[in-house]
Protein backbone atom coordinates (compact mmCIF):
# COMPACT_ATOMS: atom_id res chain seq x y z
CA MET A 1 -6.90 23.87 -7.49
CA THR A 2 -3.50 25.38 -6.88
CA ARG A 3 -0.73 22.81 -7.08
CA ILE A 4 0.43 21.23 -3.85
CA ARG A 5 4.11 21.78 -3.15
CA LEU A 6 5.77 18.47 -2.32
CA GLY A 7 9.00 17.54 -0.60
CA MET A 8 10.37 14.04 -0.97
CA VAL A 9 12.33 11.78 1.35
CA GLY A 10 14.14 9.01 -0.53
CA GLY A 11 13.20 8.01 -4.07
CA GLY A 12 16.38 9.27 -5.74
CA ARG A 13 18.44 7.79 -8.55
CA GLY A 14 18.02 4.04 -8.82
CA SER A 15 14.72 3.98 -6.92
CA PHE A 16 11.85 2.35 -8.77
CA ILE A 17 9.16 3.47 -6.34
CA GLY A 18 10.43 7.05 -6.20
CA GLY A 19 9.82 7.46 -9.92
CA VAL A 20 6.37 5.91 -9.56
CA HIS A 21 5.42 8.43 -6.86
CA ARG A 22 6.58 11.36 -8.98
CA ILE A 23 4.76 10.18 -12.10
CA ALA A 24 1.58 9.59 -10.09
CA ALA A 25 1.84 13.00 -8.44
CA ARG A 26 2.25 14.79 -11.75
CA MET A 27 -0.32 12.90 -13.81
CA ASP A 28 -3.21 15.24 -12.97
CA GLY A 29 -1.12 18.38 -12.63
CA LEU A 30 -2.03 18.72 -8.94
CA TYR A 31 1.46 18.60 -7.41
CA ASP A 32 4.96 19.96 -7.90
CA VAL A 33 7.98 18.23 -6.37
CA VAL A 34 10.02 21.24 -5.30
CA ALA A 35 12.36 19.96 -2.58
CA GLY A 36 13.74 16.79 -1.11
CA VAL A 37 16.25 14.63 0.69
CA PHE A 38 16.55 12.16 -2.15
CA SER A 39 19.53 10.20 -0.87
CA SER A 40 21.86 10.01 2.12
CA ASP A 41 24.71 10.13 -0.40
CA ALA A 42 25.49 13.79 -1.14
CA GLU A 43 26.40 13.30 -4.81
CA ARG A 44 23.41 11.08 -5.50
CA ASN A 45 21.16 13.55 -3.71
CA LYS A 46 22.44 16.40 -5.85
CA GLY A 47 22.19 14.36 -9.04
CA SER A 48 18.67 13.23 -8.20
CA ALA A 49 17.56 16.83 -7.72
CA GLU A 50 18.99 17.71 -11.15
CA ASP A 51 17.17 14.76 -12.73
CA ILE A 52 13.86 15.78 -11.18
CA GLY A 53 14.26 19.50 -11.85
CA VAL A 54 14.56 20.61 -8.23
CA GLU A 55 16.69 23.66 -7.47
CA ALA A 56 20.09 22.73 -6.05
CA SER A 57 19.42 24.87 -2.96
CA ARG A 58 16.36 22.75 -2.19
CA ALA A 59 18.18 19.40 -2.26
CA TYR A 60 18.77 19.07 1.47
CA GLY A 61 21.16 16.88 3.41
CA SER A 62 18.66 15.85 6.07
CA ILE A 63 14.97 15.93 6.87
CA GLU A 64 15.59 18.51 9.59
CA ASP A 65 17.43 20.75 7.11
CA MET A 66 14.53 20.44 4.65
CA ILE A 67 11.96 21.32 7.30
CA HIS A 68 13.90 24.37 8.48
CA GLY A 69 14.81 25.50 5.00
CA GLU A 70 11.27 25.20 3.68
CA GLN A 71 9.68 26.84 6.72
CA ALA A 72 11.75 29.93 5.94
CA ARG A 73 10.28 30.23 2.47
CA ALA A 74 6.96 31.78 1.49
CA ASP A 75 6.62 29.01 -1.12
CA GLY A 76 7.72 26.19 1.19
CA ILE A 77 6.49 22.63 0.92
CA GLU A 78 3.01 21.66 2.16
CA ALA A 79 3.36 17.88 2.19
CA VAL A 80 6.08 15.25 2.11
CA VAL A 81 6.33 11.96 0.22
CA ILE A 82 8.24 9.22 2.05
CA ALA A 83 9.71 6.64 -0.34
CA THR A 84 12.40 4.97 1.75
CA PRO A 85 12.81 1.44 3.19
CA ASN A 86 10.40 0.57 6.04
CA TYR A 87 12.74 1.24 8.94
CA LEU A 88 13.16 4.90 7.95
CA HIS A 89 9.44 5.69 7.71
CA PHE A 90 8.68 6.39 11.36
CA GLU A 91 11.27 9.08 12.13
CA ALA A 92 10.69 10.83 8.82
CA ALA A 93 6.91 10.85 9.22
CA LYS A 94 7.12 11.95 12.85
CA ALA A 95 9.39 14.88 12.05
CA CYS A 96 7.23 16.05 9.14
CA LEU A 97 3.90 15.72 10.96
CA GLU A 98 5.21 17.59 13.99
CA ALA A 99 6.47 20.32 11.67
CA GLY A 100 2.93 20.80 10.38
CA LEU A 101 3.35 18.93 7.10
CA HIS A 102 0.97 16.40 5.59
CA VAL A 103 2.49 13.01 4.75
CA ILE A 104 2.11 10.59 1.84
CA CYS A 105 3.93 7.40 2.80
CA ASP A 106 4.84 4.19 1.03
CA LYS A 107 3.69 0.93 2.62
CA PRO A 108 4.02 -0.76 5.05
CA VAL A 109 3.67 2.27 7.28
CA THR A 110 6.58 1.39 9.61
CA ALA A 111 8.84 -1.55 10.36
CA THR A 112 7.19 -2.41 13.68
CA LEU A 113 3.69 -2.45 15.10
CA GLU A 114 4.80 -0.38 18.08
CA ASP A 115 6.02 2.41 15.78
CA ALA A 116 2.79 2.25 13.77
CA ILE A 117 0.70 2.66 16.92
CA GLU A 118 2.85 5.57 18.06
CA LEU A 119 2.60 7.21 14.65
CA GLU A 120 -1.19 6.87 14.81
CA LYS A 121 -1.12 8.91 18.01
CA ILE A 122 1.08 11.56 16.39
CA VAL A 123 -1.29 11.86 13.43
CA GLY A 124 -4.19 12.32 15.84
CA ARG A 125 -2.31 14.86 17.93
CA THR A 126 -1.07 17.00 15.02
CA GLY A 127 -4.29 16.87 13.01
CA LYS A 128 -2.32 16.52 9.79
CA HIS A 129 -3.38 14.24 6.95
CA PHE A 130 -1.55 10.95 6.50
CA PHE A 131 -1.99 8.89 3.33
CA LEU A 132 -0.64 5.40 2.73
CA THR A 133 -0.04 4.33 -0.86
CA HIS A 134 -1.77 0.96 -1.02
CA ASN A 135 -2.08 1.66 -4.71
CA TYR A 136 -4.12 -1.41 -5.67
CA THR A 137 -7.15 0.26 -4.10
CA GLY A 138 -6.85 2.83 -6.89
CA TYR A 139 -7.76 0.38 -9.67
CA PRO A 140 -11.24 1.09 -11.09
CA MET A 141 -12.25 -2.58 -11.04
CA VAL A 142 -11.14 -2.99 -7.43
CA ARG A 143 -13.35 -0.05 -6.53
CA GLN A 144 -16.15 -1.67 -8.52
CA MET A 145 -15.73 -4.84 -6.47
CA ARG A 146 -16.07 -2.82 -3.28
CA ASP A 147 -19.21 -1.11 -4.62
CA MET A 148 -20.81 -4.41 -5.60
CA VAL A 149 -20.08 -6.09 -2.26
CA ALA A 150 -21.42 -3.07 -0.37
CA ALA A 151 -24.58 -3.07 -2.53
CA GLY A 152 -25.26 -6.71 -1.63
CA GLU A 153 -24.91 -8.00 -5.19
CA LEU A 154 -22.97 -11.04 -3.94
CA GLY A 155 -25.32 -11.67 -1.02
CA GLU A 156 -23.83 -12.75 2.29
CA ILE A 157 -20.08 -13.13 1.86
CA ARG A 158 -18.96 -16.72 2.42
CA THR A 159 -15.41 -17.13 1.22
CA LEU A 160 -12.52 -15.27 -0.39
CA HIS A 161 -9.07 -16.04 -1.73
CA ALA A 162 -6.22 -13.55 -2.13
CA GLU A 163 -3.02 -14.62 -3.87
CA TYR A 164 0.03 -12.43 -4.35
CA VAL A 165 3.05 -14.32 -5.64
CA GLN A 166 6.37 -13.39 -7.26
CA ASP A 167 9.62 -15.24 -7.99
CA TRP A 168 12.32 -12.58 -7.70
CA LEU A 169 13.68 -13.91 -4.37
CA THR A 170 13.86 -17.54 -5.50
CA GLU A 171 17.65 -17.29 -5.15
CA PRO A 172 19.57 -15.38 -2.42
CA MET A 173 19.50 -12.03 -4.21
CA GLU A 174 20.30 -10.29 -0.92
CA HIS A 175 23.84 -11.66 -1.24
CA ARG A 176 24.24 -10.62 -4.86
CA GLY A 177 24.13 -6.85 -4.57
CA ALA A 178 20.37 -6.37 -5.01
CA LYS A 179 19.71 -3.51 -2.59
CA GLY A 180 15.95 -4.02 -2.59
CA ALA A 181 16.49 -7.61 -1.54
CA GLU A 182 19.06 -6.65 1.08
CA TRP A 183 16.77 -4.52 3.22
CA ARG A 184 13.63 -6.57 2.57
CA THR A 185 15.26 -9.68 4.04
CA ASP A 186 16.90 -7.88 6.98
CA PRO A 187 14.70 -7.92 10.14
CA SER A 188 16.36 -4.76 11.46
CA LYS A 189 15.22 -2.85 8.38
CA SER A 190 12.10 -4.62 7.15
CA GLY A 191 10.61 -5.61 10.50
CA ALA A 192 9.24 -9.01 11.49
CA GLY A 193 7.70 -9.77 8.11
CA GLY A 194 9.40 -10.65 4.85
CA SER A 195 6.97 -11.51 2.07
CA ILE A 196 4.01 -10.89 4.39
CA GLY A 197 5.20 -7.35 5.05
CA ASP A 198 6.27 -6.51 1.52
CA ILE A 199 3.37 -7.90 -0.53
CA GLY A 200 1.19 -9.66 2.03
CA THR A 201 0.10 -6.31 3.44
CA HIS A 202 -1.16 -5.42 -0.05
CA ALA A 203 -3.25 -8.59 -0.24
CA TYR A 204 -4.58 -8.04 3.26
CA ASN A 205 -5.40 -4.38 2.60
CA LEU A 206 -7.18 -5.11 -0.69
CA SER A 207 -9.24 -7.85 0.99
CA SER A 208 -10.29 -5.48 3.76
CA PHE A 209 -10.97 -2.69 1.26
CA VAL A 210 -13.26 -4.80 -0.94
CA LEU A 211 -15.13 -6.48 1.91
CA GLY A 212 -15.39 -3.39 4.12
CA ARG A 213 -14.32 -5.55 7.06
CA ARG A 214 -11.22 -7.30 8.37
CA PRO A 215 -10.79 -10.82 9.76
CA SER A 216 -11.05 -11.43 13.49
CA HIS A 217 -8.67 -14.41 13.57
CA LEU A 218 -6.00 -15.98 11.38
CA LEU A 219 -3.74 -19.00 11.17
CA ALA A 220 -0.39 -18.63 9.41
CA ASP A 221 2.40 -20.94 8.29
CA LEU A 222 5.48 -18.88 7.38
CA SER A 223 8.46 -20.37 5.56
CA SER A 224 11.96 -19.26 4.60
CA PHE A 225 12.83 -21.61 1.77
CA VAL A 226 16.14 -19.98 0.79
CA PRO A 227 18.85 -21.26 3.18
CA GLY A 228 20.02 -18.61 5.62
CA ARG A 229 17.22 -16.18 4.86
CA ARG A 230 16.06 -14.57 8.11
CA LEU A 231 12.55 -13.57 7.08
CA ASP A 232 9.71 -15.44 5.42
CA ASP A 233 9.61 -15.75 1.64
CA ASN A 234 6.38 -17.79 1.54
CA ALA A 235 3.20 -17.80 3.61
CA SER A 236 -0.02 -19.79 3.73
CA ILE A 237 -2.76 -18.10 5.75
CA LEU A 238 -6.32 -18.94 6.78
CA LEU A 239 -8.75 -16.18 7.77
CA ARG A 240 -11.93 -16.14 9.85
CA TYR A 241 -14.47 -13.32 9.87
CA GLU A 242 -17.01 -12.48 12.56
CA ASN A 243 -19.93 -12.98 10.13
CA GLY A 244 -18.81 -16.58 9.57
CA ALA A 245 -16.96 -15.97 6.29
CA LYS A 246 -13.68 -17.79 5.69
CA GLY A 247 -10.67 -16.80 3.64
CA THR A 248 -7.38 -18.12 2.34
CA MET A 249 -4.28 -16.18 1.39
CA TRP A 250 -1.08 -17.30 -0.32
CA VAL A 251 1.87 -14.94 -0.40
CA SER A 252 5.19 -15.90 -1.96
CA GLN A 253 8.34 -14.39 -3.44
CA VAL A 254 9.76 -17.77 -4.44
CA ALA A 255 6.97 -18.94 -6.78
CA VAL A 256 8.97 -19.57 -9.95
CA GLY A 257 7.33 -18.28 -13.10
CA ASN A 258 5.33 -15.52 -11.41
CA GLU A 259 6.28 -11.90 -11.99
CA ASN A 260 3.64 -9.96 -10.07
CA HIS A 261 0.68 -12.33 -9.90
CA PHE A 262 -1.94 -10.73 -7.65
CA THR A 263 -5.45 -12.18 -7.79
CA PHE A 264 -8.53 -11.73 -5.65
CA ARG A 265 -11.70 -13.83 -5.62
CA VAL A 266 -14.73 -13.42 -3.38
CA TYR A 267 -17.95 -15.47 -3.26
CA GLY A 268 -21.26 -14.92 -1.54
CA SER A 269 -24.68 -16.55 -1.36
CA LYS A 270 -25.78 -14.88 -4.62
CA GLY A 271 -22.63 -14.60 -6.73
CA GLY A 272 -18.89 -14.21 -7.07
CA LEU A 273 -16.20 -11.88 -8.39
CA GLU A 274 -12.75 -12.66 -9.80
CA TRP A 275 -10.00 -10.10 -10.54
CA GLU A 276 -6.34 -10.29 -11.61
CA GLN A 277 -3.88 -7.42 -11.27
CA GLU A 278 -2.07 -8.44 -14.44
CA ASP A 279 -5.36 -8.01 -16.35
CA PRO A 280 -6.71 -5.13 -14.24
CA ASN A 281 -9.31 -3.69 -16.59
CA ARG A 282 -11.52 -6.78 -16.46
CA LEU A 283 -13.64 -8.27 -13.70
CA TRP A 284 -15.58 -11.52 -13.89
CA PHE A 285 -18.98 -11.51 -12.18
CA THR A 286 -21.12 -14.62 -11.84
CA GLN A 287 -24.64 -14.67 -10.44
CA TYR A 288 -25.68 -18.07 -9.17
CA GLY A 289 -27.36 -20.08 -11.93
CA LYS A 290 -26.41 -17.60 -14.67
CA PRO A 291 -23.51 -17.38 -17.16
CA LYS A 292 -20.35 -15.51 -16.26
CA GLN A 293 -20.36 -11.81 -17.10
CA LEU A 294 -17.27 -9.87 -18.13
CA LEU A 295 -17.34 -6.38 -16.59
CA THR A 296 -14.85 -3.84 -17.88
CA ARG A 297 -13.35 -0.54 -16.83
CA GLY A 298 -15.78 2.16 -17.88
CA GLY A 299 -18.05 -0.36 -19.58
CA ALA A 300 -21.67 -1.35 -19.13
CA GLN A 301 -22.70 -1.90 -15.50
CA ALA A 302 -19.79 0.19 -14.25
CA THR A 303 -20.31 1.52 -10.73
CA SER A 304 -19.43 5.04 -9.60
CA GLY A 305 -16.21 3.73 -8.03
CA ASN A 306 -15.27 2.47 -11.47
CA THR A 307 -16.29 5.45 -13.59
CA ASP A 308 -14.89 8.03 -11.15
CA SER A 309 -11.47 6.38 -11.41
CA ILE A 310 -10.98 6.02 -15.17
CA ARG A 311 -8.76 8.34 -17.19
CA ILE A 312 -9.08 7.23 -20.81
CA PRO A 313 -11.92 5.67 -22.84
CA ALA A 314 -12.88 2.04 -22.31
CA GLY A 315 -10.74 -0.40 -24.25
CA HIS A 316 -7.54 1.59 -23.78
CA PRO A 317 -5.61 -0.19 -21.01
CA GLU A 318 -4.92 1.51 -17.72
CA GLY A 319 -2.77 0.02 -15.01
CA PHE A 320 -0.32 0.43 -12.17
CA LEU A 321 0.69 4.08 -12.67
CA GLU A 322 -2.86 5.29 -13.19
CA ALA A 323 -4.07 3.46 -10.08
CA PHE A 324 -1.26 5.08 -8.11
CA ALA A 325 -2.23 8.46 -9.56
CA ASN A 326 -5.84 7.96 -8.43
CA LEU A 327 -4.61 7.91 -4.84
CA TYR A 328 -2.62 11.10 -5.40
CA ARG A 329 -5.60 12.79 -7.03
CA ASP A 330 -7.89 11.80 -4.16
CA ALA A 331 -5.32 12.96 -1.62
CA ALA A 332 -5.14 16.34 -3.37
CA LEU A 333 -8.93 16.69 -3.10
CA VAL A 334 -8.66 16.07 0.64
CA LEU A 335 -5.73 18.47 1.11
CA ARG A 336 -7.58 21.21 -0.73
CA GLY A 337 -10.79 20.62 1.25
CA LYS A 338 -12.79 19.24 -1.68
CA ALA A 339 -13.48 15.85 -0.06
CA THR A 340 -12.74 13.77 3.03
CA ASP A 341 -10.40 10.79 3.13
CA ARG A 342 -13.12 8.57 4.63
CA LYS A 343 -15.60 9.45 1.88
CA LEU A 344 -13.00 8.53 -0.72
CA SER A 345 -11.92 5.40 1.21
CA LEU A 346 -8.31 6.51 1.02
CA PRO A 347 -5.86 4.28 2.91
CA GLY A 348 -4.27 6.12 5.82
CA ILE A 349 -2.74 5.60 9.23
CA ARG A 350 -5.56 3.30 10.34
CA GLU A 351 -4.90 0.95 7.44
CA GLY A 352 -1.18 1.21 8.19
CA VAL A 353 -1.67 0.00 11.75
CA GLU A 354 -3.98 -2.77 10.53
CA GLY A 355 -1.28 -3.96 8.11
CA LEU A 356 1.27 -4.24 10.92
CA GLU A 357 -1.32 -5.99 13.11
CA PHE A 358 -1.67 -8.50 10.28
CA VAL A 359 2.11 -9.06 10.14
CA ASP A 360 2.28 -9.36 13.93
CA ALA A 361 -0.57 -11.89 14.00
CA CYS A 362 1.03 -13.98 11.24
CA VAL A 363 4.33 -14.14 13.11
CA ARG A 364 2.62 -15.02 16.41
CA SER A 365 0.56 -17.73 14.75
CA SER A 366 3.45 -19.32 12.86
CA SER A 367 5.68 -19.20 15.95
CA ALA A 368 2.96 -21.12 17.81
CA ASN A 369 3.06 -23.89 15.19
CA GLY A 370 0.07 -22.57 13.27
CA ALA A 371 -2.26 -21.66 16.12
CA TRP A 372 -5.34 -19.51 15.55
CA VAL A 373 -4.69 -16.01 16.93
CA ASP A 374 -6.68 -12.81 17.34
CA VAL A 375 -5.70 -10.38 14.60
CA LEU A 376 -6.20 -7.38 16.86
CA ALA A 377 -2.76 -7.49 18.46
CA ARG A 378 -3.33 -4.45 20.64
CA ARG A 379 -6.43 -6.02 22.17
CA CYS A 380 -4.62 -9.35 22.61
CA ARG A 381 -1.81 -7.68 24.54
CA GLN A 382 -4.26 -6.00 26.87
CA ILE A 383 -5.93 -9.29 27.89
């Protein structure tokens, strides 16, 4: 395939996630980052372009300038990566989609549910592809879990537990110059969710991805343990599914001793699965009445979702960057007409809206002193 020409919004010097996107895009040689608005600061924007190897003339001062400048070129960009804080996603994505560009966007899709719903309409109207980088769905063993659940190897799903906990916001880092903490704890920039928006949407998305279904109702208890913090930094959530399954979810950014502890466990009438993001190449599978089995990336009993996602021989560890790159590779196949996003189960605008519906439902539930609420916020508001 010819390489896809990428523009980038955000992700300049000092951005962790910007570098991750670029590494993931380049890992399979399917993309070239050739233009961008890397920072609102002119000097940082220029310096970022130099670091990345982008021509100075293609380091633009605004999204509008990039769109106009690239439309005038025969080798102009075909897609745009958005790697900015949440509150900047909507306008950037809207402008790019309406200019005929495909979009690869960091999660959550927007800061508010209303913007997410509006963006869904824009995607439908323009017919352009929109990909959301819920990168944990790119792990081979996560895809194996999905395959095994879909094949009925666990039987009827009964219960699940998703846990995503960190400790980096245990103290008021937003008042100590940590820019990532500043916008993540600011409702005007992050939206209504703190930890539930930042990492809770990952846990919710992975649960829905593996099960192939989403909960119908939830009950949430949101807490802000750090004095003065305006958004939640801890959440305890109960989930109910239409088939009778139940789930629990714990999300925290004040769990001392945890760096990036993301685990998922699911149990059915025939067996169970257990996976940890910090040990991503292994998956424990237990059939009722039999010993635990250790399944590995690319090993015996690997499903197609597993084997189609591996990059190096079994036993050599793969992780975060490779999982991210799997999403970029799959997106390239879609953009070049080699596959469809639904066939590849790529997260997109639909999953983006569902993530914001999750945040909205958690806030509504917690505000009602832990009442059970319908997750489908749009349907609730129409009743």
